[in-house]
Full PDB file with SEQRES, HELIX, SHEET, SSBOND, CRYST1, ORIGX, SCALE, CONECT and MASTER records, all heavy atoms in Angstrom:
SEQRES   1 A   33  LEU TYR ASN GLU ALA GLU GLY ALA LEU VAL GLY ARG LEU          
SEQRES   2 A   33  ARG ARG LEU SER ALA ASP ILE TYR GLY ASN ARG ASP MET          
SEQRES   3 A   33  LEU THR PHE LEU ARG ASN ASN                                  
HELIX    1 AA1 ALA A    8  ARG A   14  1                                   7    
HELIX    2 AA2 ILE A   20  LEU A   30  1                                  11    
CRYST1    1.000    1.000    1.000  90.00  90.00  90.00 P 1           1          
ORIGX1      1.000000  0.000000  0.000000        0.00000                         
ORIGX2      0.000000  1.000000  0.000000        0.00000                         
ORIGX3      0.000000  0.000000  1.000000        0.00000                         
SCALE1      1.000000  0.000000  0.000000        0.00000                         
SCALE2      0.000000  1.000000  0.000000        0.00000                         
SCALE3      0.000000  0.000000  1.000000        0.00000                         
ATOM      1  N   LEU A   1      14.808  18.567  54.516  1.00  0.00           N  
ATOM      2  CA  LEU A   1      15.281  19.949  54.539  1.00  0.00           C  
ATOM      3  C   LEU A   1      16.721  20.083  54.046  1.00  0.00           C  
ATOM      4  O   LEU A   1      17.265  21.193  54.026  1.00  0.00           O  
ATOM      5  CB  LEU A   1      15.173  20.520  55.957  1.00  0.00           C  
ATOM      6  CG  LEU A   1      13.746  20.600  56.542  1.00  0.00           C  
ATOM      7  CD1 LEU A   1      13.780  21.167  57.953  1.00  0.00           C  
ATOM      8  CD2 LEU A   1      12.843  21.442  55.640  1.00  0.00           C  
ATOM      9  N   TYR A   2      17.324  18.974  53.646  1.00  0.00           N  
ATOM     10  CA  TYR A   2      18.694  19.027  53.131  1.00  0.00           C  
ATOM     11  C   TYR A   2      18.677  19.725  51.772  1.00  0.00           C  
ATOM     12  O   TYR A   2      17.951  19.318  50.867  1.00  0.00           O  
ATOM     13  CB  TYR A   2      19.250  17.609  52.995  1.00  0.00           C  
ATOM     14  CG  TYR A   2      20.686  17.552  52.520  1.00  0.00           C  
ATOM     15  CD1 TYR A   2      21.738  17.677  53.416  1.00  0.00           C  
ATOM     16  CD2 TYR A   2      20.989  17.382  51.171  1.00  0.00           C  
ATOM     17  CE1 TYR A   2      23.058  17.622  52.985  1.00  0.00           C  
ATOM     18  CE2 TYR A   2      22.294  17.324  50.729  1.00  0.00           C  
ATOM     19  CZ  TYR A   2      23.327  17.444  51.639  1.00  0.00           C  
ATOM     20  OH  TYR A   2      24.635  17.389  51.202  1.00  0.00           O  
ATOM     21  N   ASN A   3      19.491  20.763  51.611  1.00  0.00           N  
ATOM     22  CA  ASN A   3      19.417  21.545  50.376  1.00  0.00           C  
ATOM     23  C   ASN A   3      20.779  21.813  49.746  1.00  0.00           C  
ATOM     24  O   ASN A   3      20.937  22.727  48.948  1.00  0.00           O  
ATOM     25  CB  ASN A   3      18.708  22.887  50.639  1.00  0.00           C  
ATOM     26  CG  ASN A   3      19.338  23.651  51.801  1.00  0.00           C  
ATOM     27  OD1 ASN A   3      20.442  23.320  52.240  1.00  0.00           O  
ATOM     28  ND2 ASN A   3      18.638  24.666  52.289  1.00  0.00           N  
ATOM     29  N   GLU A   4      21.800  21.015  50.109  1.00  0.00           N  
ATOM     30  CA  GLU A   4      23.104  21.193  49.482  1.00  0.00           C  
ATOM     31  C   GLU A   4      23.096  20.572  48.084  1.00  0.00           C  
ATOM     32  O   GLU A   4      22.259  19.736  47.762  1.00  0.00           O  
ATOM     33  CB  GLU A   4      24.200  20.532  50.331  1.00  0.00           C  
ATOM     34  CG  GLU A   4      24.408  21.194  51.685  1.00  0.00           C  
ATOM     35  CD  GLU A   4      25.551  20.553  52.458  1.00  0.00           C  
ATOM     36  OE1 GLU A   4      26.335  19.812  51.859  1.00  0.00           O  
ATOM     37  OE2 GLU A   4      25.633  20.786  53.671  1.00  0.00           O  
ATOM     38  N   ALA A   5      24.048  20.983  47.263  1.00  0.00           N  
ATOM     39  CA  ALA A   5      24.166  20.431  45.907  1.00  0.00           C  
ATOM     40  C   ALA A   5      24.465  18.941  45.987  1.00  0.00           C  
ATOM     41  O   ALA A   5      24.942  18.426  47.000  1.00  0.00           O  
ATOM     42  CB  ALA A   5      25.269  21.156  45.144  1.00  0.00           C  
ATOM     43  N   GLU A   6      24.231  18.244  44.877  1.00  0.00           N  
ATOM     44  CA  GLU A   6      24.295  16.780  44.874  1.00  0.00           C  
ATOM     45  C   GLU A   6      25.629  16.237  45.361  1.00  0.00           C  
ATOM     46  O   GLU A   6      25.688  15.278  46.106  1.00  0.00           O  
ATOM     47  CB  GLU A   6      23.999  16.248  43.462  1.00  0.00           C  
ATOM     48  CG  GLU A   6      24.000  14.735  43.396  1.00  0.00           C  
ATOM     49  CD  GLU A   6      23.442  14.222  42.093  1.00  0.00           C  
ATOM     50  OE1 GLU A   6      22.801  15.003  41.351  1.00  0.00           O  
ATOM     51  OE2 GLU A   6      23.651  13.033  41.807  1.00  0.00           O  
ATOM     52  N   GLY A   7      26.719  16.855  44.948  1.00  0.00           N  
ATOM     53  CA  GLY A   7      28.021  16.305  45.307  1.00  0.00           C  
ATOM     54  C   GLY A   7      28.603  16.845  46.598  1.00  0.00           C  
ATOM     55  O   GLY A   7      29.698  16.436  46.993  1.00  0.00           O  
ATOM     56  N   ALA A   8      27.876  17.744  47.271  1.00  0.00           N  
ATOM     57  CA  ALA A   8      28.461  18.425  48.435  1.00  0.00           C  
ATOM     58  C   ALA A   8      28.768  17.463  49.570  1.00  0.00           C  
ATOM     59  O   ALA A   8      29.878  17.467  50.115  1.00  0.00           O  
ATOM     60  CB  ALA A   8      27.520  19.528  48.913  1.00  0.00           C  
ATOM     61  N   LEU A   9      27.793  16.650  49.951  1.00  0.00           N  
ATOM     62  CA  LEU A   9      28.027  15.754  51.076  1.00  0.00           C  
ATOM     63  C   LEU A   9      29.049  14.681  50.726  1.00  0.00           C  
ATOM     64  O   LEU A   9      29.928  14.366  51.522  1.00  0.00           O  
ATOM     65  CB  LEU A   9      26.738  15.095  51.537  1.00  0.00           C  
ATOM     66  CG  LEU A   9      26.970  14.103  52.677  1.00  0.00           C  
ATOM     67  CD1 LEU A   9      27.386  14.820  53.948  1.00  0.00           C  
ATOM     68  CD2 LEU A   9      25.783  13.222  52.933  1.00  0.00           C  
ATOM     69  N   VAL A  10      28.938  14.112  49.517  1.00  0.00           N  
ATOM     70  CA  VAL A  10      29.920  13.106  49.107  1.00  0.00           C  
ATOM     71  C   VAL A  10      31.316  13.698  49.152  1.00  0.00           C  
ATOM     72  O   VAL A  10      32.275  13.048  49.582  1.00  0.00           O  
ATOM     73  CB  VAL A  10      29.596  12.568  47.702  1.00  0.00           C  
ATOM     74  CG1 VAL A  10      30.695  11.619  47.230  1.00  0.00           C  
ATOM     75  CG2 VAL A  10      28.251  11.842  47.714  1.00  0.00           C  
ATOM     76  N   GLY A  11      31.438  14.956  48.749  1.00  0.00           N  
ATOM     77  CA  GLY A  11      32.729  15.635  48.834  1.00  0.00           C  
ATOM     78  C   GLY A  11      33.212  15.738  50.261  1.00  0.00           C  
ATOM     79  O   GLY A  11      34.397  15.528  50.541  1.00  0.00           O  
ATOM     80  N   ARG A  12      32.300  16.050  51.195  1.00  0.00           N  
ATOM     81  CA  ARG A  12      32.674  16.124  52.614  1.00  0.00           C  
ATOM     82  C   ARG A  12      33.153  14.772  53.111  1.00  0.00           C  
ATOM     83  O   ARG A  12      34.144  14.673  53.842  1.00  0.00           O  
ATOM     84  CB  ARG A  12      31.477  16.581  53.449  1.00  0.00           C  
ATOM     85  CG  ARG A  12      31.157  18.070  53.350  1.00  0.00           C  
ATOM     86  CD  ARG A  12      29.812  18.378  53.977  1.00  0.00           C  
ATOM     87  NE  ARG A  12      29.775  18.053  55.397  1.00  0.00           N  
ATOM     88  CZ  ARG A  12      28.647  17.990  56.112  1.00  0.00           C  
ATOM     89  NH1 ARG A  12      27.476  18.208  55.519  1.00  0.00           N  
ATOM     90  NH2 ARG A  12      28.675  17.703  57.381  1.00  0.00           N  
ATOM     91  N   LEU A  13      32.458  13.704  52.718  1.00  0.00           N  
ATOM     92  CA  LEU A  13      32.838  12.367  53.166  1.00  0.00           C  
ATOM     93  C   LEU A  13      34.171  11.943  52.565  1.00  0.00           C  
ATOM     94  O   LEU A  13      34.994  11.311  53.226  1.00  0.00           O  
ATOM     95  CB  LEU A  13      31.744  11.359  52.803  1.00  0.00           C  
ATOM     96  CG  LEU A  13      30.371  11.596  53.454  1.00  0.00           C  
ATOM     97  CD1 LEU A  13      29.380  10.531  53.003  1.00  0.00           C  
ATOM     98  CD2 LEU A  13      30.475  11.630  54.974  1.00  0.00           C  
ATOM     99  N   ARG A  14      34.400  12.296  51.307  1.00  0.00           N  
ATOM    100  CA  ARG A  14      35.657  11.928  50.655  1.00  0.00           C  
ATOM    101  C   ARG A  14      36.837  12.693  51.242  1.00  0.00           C  
ATOM    102  O   ARG A  14      37.977  12.239  51.163  1.00  0.00           O  
ATOM    103  CB  ARG A  14      35.577  12.181  49.151  1.00  0.00           C  
ATOM    104  CG  ARG A  14      34.747  11.159  48.397  1.00  0.00           C  
ATOM    105  CD  ARG A  14      34.874  11.316  46.899  1.00  0.00           C  
ATOM    106  NE  ARG A  14      36.231  11.027  46.428  1.00  0.00           N  
ATOM    107  CZ  ARG A  14      36.581  10.998  45.147  1.00  0.00           C  
ATOM    108  NH1 ARG A  14      35.677  11.259  44.211  1.00  0.00           N  
ATOM    109  NH2 ARG A  14      37.821  10.732  44.794  1.00  0.00           N  
ATOM    110  N   ARG A  15      36.560  13.850  51.823  1.00  0.00           N  
ATOM    111  CA  ARG A  15      37.650  14.646  52.401  1.00  0.00           C  
ATOM    112  C   ARG A  15      38.000  14.248  53.829  1.00  0.00           C  
ATOM    113  O   ARG A  15      38.929  14.805  54.415  1.00  0.00           O  
ATOM    114  CB  ARG A  15      37.287  16.138  52.350  1.00  0.00           C  
ATOM    115  CG  ARG A  15      37.352  16.737  50.945  1.00  0.00           C  
ATOM    116  CD  ARG A  15      37.287  18.251  50.984  1.00  0.00           C  
ATOM    117  NE  ARG A  15      36.019  18.728  51.500  1.00  0.00           N  
ATOM    118  CZ  ARG A  15      34.934  18.943  50.755  1.00  0.00           C  
ATOM    119  NH1 ARG A  15      34.979  18.683  49.446  1.00  0.00           N  
ATOM    120  NH2 ARG A  15      33.833  19.410  51.292  1.00  0.00           N  
ATOM    121  N   LEU A  16      37.283  13.281  54.376  1.00  0.00           N  
ATOM    122  CA  LEU A  16      37.666  12.784  55.700  1.00  0.00           C  
ATOM    123  C   LEU A  16      39.059  12.179  55.613  1.00  0.00           C  
ATOM    124  O   LEU A  16      39.433  11.591  54.601  1.00  0.00           O  
ATOM    125  CB  LEU A  16      36.665  11.725  56.179  1.00  0.00           C  
ATOM    126  CG  LEU A  16      35.237  12.206  56.455  1.00  0.00           C  
ATOM    127  CD1 LEU A  16      34.340  11.030  56.809  1.00  0.00           C  
ATOM    128  CD2 LEU A  16      35.213  13.246  57.574  1.00  0.00           C  
ATOM    129  N   SER A  17      39.835  12.316  56.665  1.00  0.00           N  
ATOM    130  CA  SER A  17      41.216  11.845  56.628  1.00  0.00           C  
ATOM    131  C   SER A  17      41.262  10.329  56.467  1.00  0.00           C  
ATOM    132  O   SER A  17      40.455   9.603  57.048  1.00  0.00           O  
ATOM    133  CB  SER A  17      41.959  12.268  57.898  1.00  0.00           C  
ATOM    134  OG  SER A  17      41.289  11.788  59.050  1.00  0.00           O  
ATOM    135  N   ALA A  18      42.204   9.866  55.665  1.00  0.00           N  
ATOM    136  CA  ALA A  18      42.334   8.434  55.364  1.00  0.00           C  
ATOM    137  C   ALA A  18      43.134   7.753  56.467  1.00  0.00           C  
ATOM    138  O   ALA A  18      44.239   7.244  56.253  1.00  0.00           O  
ATOM    139  CB  ALA A  18      42.993   8.246  54.001  1.00  0.00           C  
ATOM    140  N   ASP A  19      42.555   7.744  57.664  1.00  0.00           N  
ATOM    141  CA  ASP A  19      43.189   7.103  58.816  1.00  0.00           C  
ATOM    142  C   ASP A  19      42.096   6.745  59.809  1.00  0.00           C  
ATOM    143  O   ASP A  19      40.900   6.896  59.525  1.00  0.00           O  
ATOM    144  CB  ASP A  19      44.245   8.019  59.444  1.00  0.00           C  
ATOM    145  CG  ASP A  19      43.706   9.394  59.819  1.00  0.00           C  
ATOM    146  OD1 ASP A  19      42.473   9.528  60.011  1.00  0.00           O  
ATOM    147  OD2 ASP A  19      44.506  10.351  59.918  1.00  0.00           O  
ATOM    148  N   ILE A  20      42.478   6.282  60.981  1.00  0.00           N  
ATOM    149  CA  ILE A  20      41.497   5.833  61.962  1.00  0.00           C  
ATOM    150  C   ILE A  20      40.608   6.985  62.432  1.00  0.00           C  
ATOM    151  O   ILE A  20      39.432   6.784  62.769  1.00  0.00           O  
ATOM    152  CB  ILE A  20      42.210   5.151  63.153  1.00  0.00           C  
ATOM    153  CG1 ILE A  20      41.183   4.472  64.073  1.00  0.00           C  
ATOM    154  CG2 ILE A  20      43.077   6.139  63.927  1.00  0.00           C  
ATOM    155  CD1 ILE A  20      41.816   3.627  65.157  1.00  0.00           C  
ATOM    156  N   TYR A  21      41.128   8.217  62.410  1.00  0.00           N  
ATOM    157  CA  TYR A  21      40.322   9.366  62.824  1.00  0.00           C  
ATOM    158  C   TYR A  21      39.225   9.661  61.804  1.00  0.00           C  
ATOM    159  O   TYR A  21      38.090   9.982  62.172  1.00  0.00           O  
ATOM    160  CB  TYR A  21      41.219  10.585  63.037  1.00  0.00           C  
ATOM    161  CG  TYR A  21      42.201  10.395  64.175  1.00  0.00           C  
ATOM    162  CD1 TYR A  21      43.492   9.935  63.936  1.00  0.00           C  
ATOM    163  CD2 TYR A  21      41.820  10.655  65.485  1.00  0.00           C  
ATOM    164  CE1 TYR A  21      44.387   9.738  64.981  1.00  0.00           C  
ATOM    165  CE2 TYR A  21      42.709  10.465  66.540  1.00  0.00           C  
ATOM    166  CZ  TYR A  21      43.992   9.999  66.279  1.00  0.00           C  
ATOM    167  OH  TYR A  21      44.863   9.800  67.315  1.00  0.00           O  
ATOM    168  N   GLY A  22      39.552   9.533  60.517  1.00  0.00           N  
ATOM    169  CA  GLY A  22      38.536   9.703  59.489  1.00  0.00           C  
ATOM    170  C   GLY A  22      37.482   8.614  59.562  1.00  0.00           C  
ATOM    171  O   GLY A  22      36.288   8.854  59.349  1.00  0.00           O  
ATOM    172  N   ASN A  23      37.921   7.396  59.881  1.00  0.00           N  
ATOM    173  CA  ASN A  23      36.989   6.287  60.030  1.00  0.00           C  
ATOM    174  C   ASN A  23      36.043   6.528  61.210  1.00  0.00           C  
ATOM    175  O   ASN A  23      34.844   6.240  61.134  1.00  0.00           O  
ATOM    176  CB  ASN A  23      37.779   4.994  60.221  1.00  0.00           C  
ATOM    177  CG  ASN A  23      36.909   3.756  60.241  1.00  0.00           C  
ATOM    178  OD1 ASN A  23      36.761   3.125  61.279  1.00  0.00           O  
ATOM    179  ND2 ASN A  23      36.351   3.384  59.109  1.00  0.00           N  
ATOM    180  N   ARG A  24      36.579   7.081  62.301  1.00  0.00           N  
ATOM    181  CA  ARG A  24      35.723   7.419  63.451  1.00  0.00           C  
ATOM    182  C   ARG A  24      34.711   8.492  63.067  1.00  0.00           C  
ATOM    183  O   ARG A  24      33.529   8.406  63.431  1.00  0.00           O  
ATOM    184  CB  ARG A  24      36.576   7.896  64.626  1.00  0.00           C  
ATOM    185  CG  ARG A  24      35.755   8.247  65.859  1.00  0.00           C  
ATOM    186  CD  ARG A  24      36.637   8.711  67.018  1.00  0.00           C  
ATOM    187  NE  ARG A  24      37.385   9.927  66.693  1.00  0.00           N  
ATOM    188  CZ  ARG A  24      38.185  10.547  67.549  1.00  0.00           C  
ATOM    189  NH1 ARG A  24      38.353  10.061  68.772  1.00  0.00           N  
ATOM    190  NH2 ARG A  24      38.843  11.640  67.194  1.00  0.00           N  
ATOM    191  N   ASP A  25      35.154   9.491  62.312  1.00  0.00           N  
ATOM    192  CA  ASP A  25      34.231  10.532  61.865  1.00  0.00           C  
ATOM    193  C   ASP A  25      33.146   9.946  60.960  1.00  0.00           C  
ATOM    194  O   ASP A  25      31.979  10.340  61.029  1.00  0.00           O  
ATOM    195  CB  ASP A  25      34.995  11.631  61.119  1.00  0.00           C  
ATOM    196  CG  ASP A  25      35.929  12.417  62.029  1.00  0.00           C  
ATOM    197  OD1 ASP A  25      35.736  12.375  63.260  1.00  0.00           O  
ATOM    198  OD2 ASP A  25      36.866  13.055  61.504  1.00  0.00           O  
ATOM    199  N   MET A  26      33.548   8.988  60.107  1.00  0.00           N  
ATOM    200  CA  MET A  26      32.579   8.366  59.211  1.00  0.00           C  
ATOM    201  C   MET A  26      31.545   7.574  60.001  1.00  0.00           C  
ATOM    202  O   MET A  26      30.356   7.589  59.673  1.00  0.00           O  
ATOM    203  CB  MET A  26      33.305   7.445  58.224  1.00  0.00           C  
ATOM    204  CG  MET A  26      32.388   6.841  57.173  1.00  0.00           C  
ATOM    205  SD  MET A  26      31.797   8.087  55.997  1.00  0.00           S  
ATOM    206  CE  MET A  26      30.302   7.275  55.403  1.00  0.00           C  
ATOM    207  N   LEU A  27      31.976   6.891  61.060  1.00  0.00           N  
ATOM    208  CA  LEU A  27      31.021   6.147  61.877  1.00  0.00           C  
ATOM    209  C   LEU A  27      30.027   7.096  62.545  1.00  0.00           C  
ATOM    210  O   LEU A  27      28.853   6.745  62.722  1.00  0.00           O  
ATOM    211  CB  LEU A  27      31.761   5.323  62.929  1.00  0.00           C  
ATOM    212  CG  LEU A  27      30.891   4.370  63.760  1.00  0.00           C  
ATOM    213  CD1 LEU A  27      30.163   3.377  62.866  1.00  0.00           C  
ATOM    214  CD2 LEU A  27      31.719   3.637  64.803  1.00  0.00           C  
ATOM    215  N   THR A  28      30.486   8.289  62.884  1.00  0.00           N  
ATOM    216  CA  THR A  28      29.563   9.297  63.414  1.00  0.00           C  
ATOM    217  C   THR A  28      28.468   9.602  62.404  1.00  0.00           C  
ATOM    218  O   THR A  28      27.283   9.688  62.757  1.00  0.00           O  
ATOM    219  CB  THR A  28      30.334  10.588  63.768  1.00  0.00           C  
ATOM    220  OG1 THR A  28      31.312  10.294  64.765  1.00  0.00           O  
ATOM    221  CG2 THR A  28      29.390  11.664  64.292  1.00  0.00           C  
ATOM    222  N   PHE A  29      28.849   9.754  61.128  1.00  0.00           N  
ATOM    223  CA  PHE A  29      27.845   9.967  60.080  1.00  0.00           C  
ATOM    224  C   PHE A  29      26.931   8.759  59.936  1.00  0.00           C  
ATOM    225  O   PHE A  29      25.712   8.901  59.807  1.00  0.00           O  
ATOM    226  CB  PHE A  29      28.536  10.254  58.740  1.00  0.00           C  
ATOM    227  CG  PHE A  29      28.997  11.671  58.563  1.00  0.00           C  
ATOM    228  CD1 PHE A  29      30.327  12.009  58.735  1.00  0.00           C  
ATOM    229  CD2 PHE A  29      28.099  12.662  58.227  1.00  0.00           C  
ATOM    230  CE1 PHE A  29      30.756  13.322  58.571  1.00  0.00           C  
ATOM    231  CE2 PHE A  29      28.517  13.981  58.063  1.00  0.00           C  
ATOM    232  CZ  PHE A  29      29.848  14.311  58.231  1.00  0.00           C  
ATOM    233  N   LEU A  30      27.511   7.545  59.943  1.00  0.00           N  
ATOM    234  CA  LEU A  30      26.710   6.332  59.759  1.00  0.00           C  
ATOM    235  C   LEU A  30      25.711   6.142  60.895  1.00  0.00           C  
ATOM    236  O   LEU A  30      24.664   5.516  60.711  1.00  0.00           O  
ATOM    237  CB  LEU A  30      27.620   5.107  59.659  1.00  0.00           C  
ATOM    238  CG  LEU A  30      28.451   4.983  58.376  1.00  0.00           C  
ATOM    239  CD1 LEU A  30      29.412   3.805  58.473  1.00  0.00           C  
ATOM    240  CD2 LEU A  30      27.554   4.822  57.159  1.00  0.00           C  
ATOM    241  N   ARG A  31      26.045   6.683  62.071  1.00  0.00           N  
ATOM    242  CA  ARG A  31      25.124   6.588  63.207  1.00  0.00           C  
ATOM    243  C   ARG A  31      24.172   7.780  63.286  1.00  0.00           C  
ATOM    244  O   ARG A  31      23.539   8.029  64.305  1.00  0.00           O  
ATOM    245  CB  ARG A  31      25.929   6.440  64.504  1.00  0.00           C  
ATOM    246  CG  ARG A  31      26.578   5.074  64.607  1.00  0.00           C  
ATOM    247  CD  ARG A  31      27.450   4.908  65.820  1.00  0.00           C  
ATOM    248  NE  ARG A  31      27.875   3.523  65.957  1.00  0.00           N  
ATOM    249  CZ  ARG A  31      28.799   3.093  66.796  1.00  0.00           C  
ATOM    250  NH1 ARG A  31      29.422   3.961  67.599  1.00  0.00           N  
ATOM    251  NH2 ARG A  31      29.117   1.826  66.857  1.00  0.00           N  
ATOM    252  N   ASN A  32      24.122   8.542  62.185  1.00  0.00           N  
ATOM    253  CA  ASN A  32      23.188   9.660  62.044  1.00  0.00           C  
ATOM    254  C   ASN A  32      23.441  10.778  63.040  1.00  0.00           C  
ATOM    255  O   ASN A  32      22.527  11.507  63.433  1.00  0.00           O  
ATOM    256  CB  ASN A  32      21.733   9.168  62.164  1.00  0.00           C  
ATOM    257  CG  ASN A  32      21.392   8.130  61.116  1.00  0.00           C  
ATOM    258  OD1 ASN A  32      21.959   8.129  60.022  1.00  0.00           O  
ATOM    259  ND2 ASN A  32      20.472   7.240  61.423  1.00  0.00           N  
ATOM    260  N   ASN A  33      24.715  10.920  63.440  1.00  0.00           N  
ATOM    261  CA  ASN A  33      25.099  12.007  64.334  1.00  0.00           C  
ATOM    262  C   ASN A  33      25.867  13.107  63.608  1.00  0.00           C  
ATOM    263  O   ASN A  33      26.365  14.038  64.248  1.00  0.00           O  
ATOM    264  CB  ASN A  33      25.933  11.472  65.494  1.00  0.00           C  
ATOM    265  CG  ASN A  33      25.133  10.560  66.411  1.00  0.00           C  
ATOM    266  OD1 ASN A  33      23.965  10.833  66.691  1.00  0.00           O  
ATOM    267  ND2 ASN A  33      25.733   9.458  66.842  1.00  0.00           N  
TER     268      ASN A  33                                                      
MASTER        0    0    0    2    0    0    0    6  267    1    0    3          
END                                                                             
């Protein structure tokens, strides 16, 4: 059911802050949360 444009999610991931907080947010994505 995912219907965003091809680069939308990658853009969201690239905009995560380049610090430990962004890394924590990324782990949330990697754990499918």
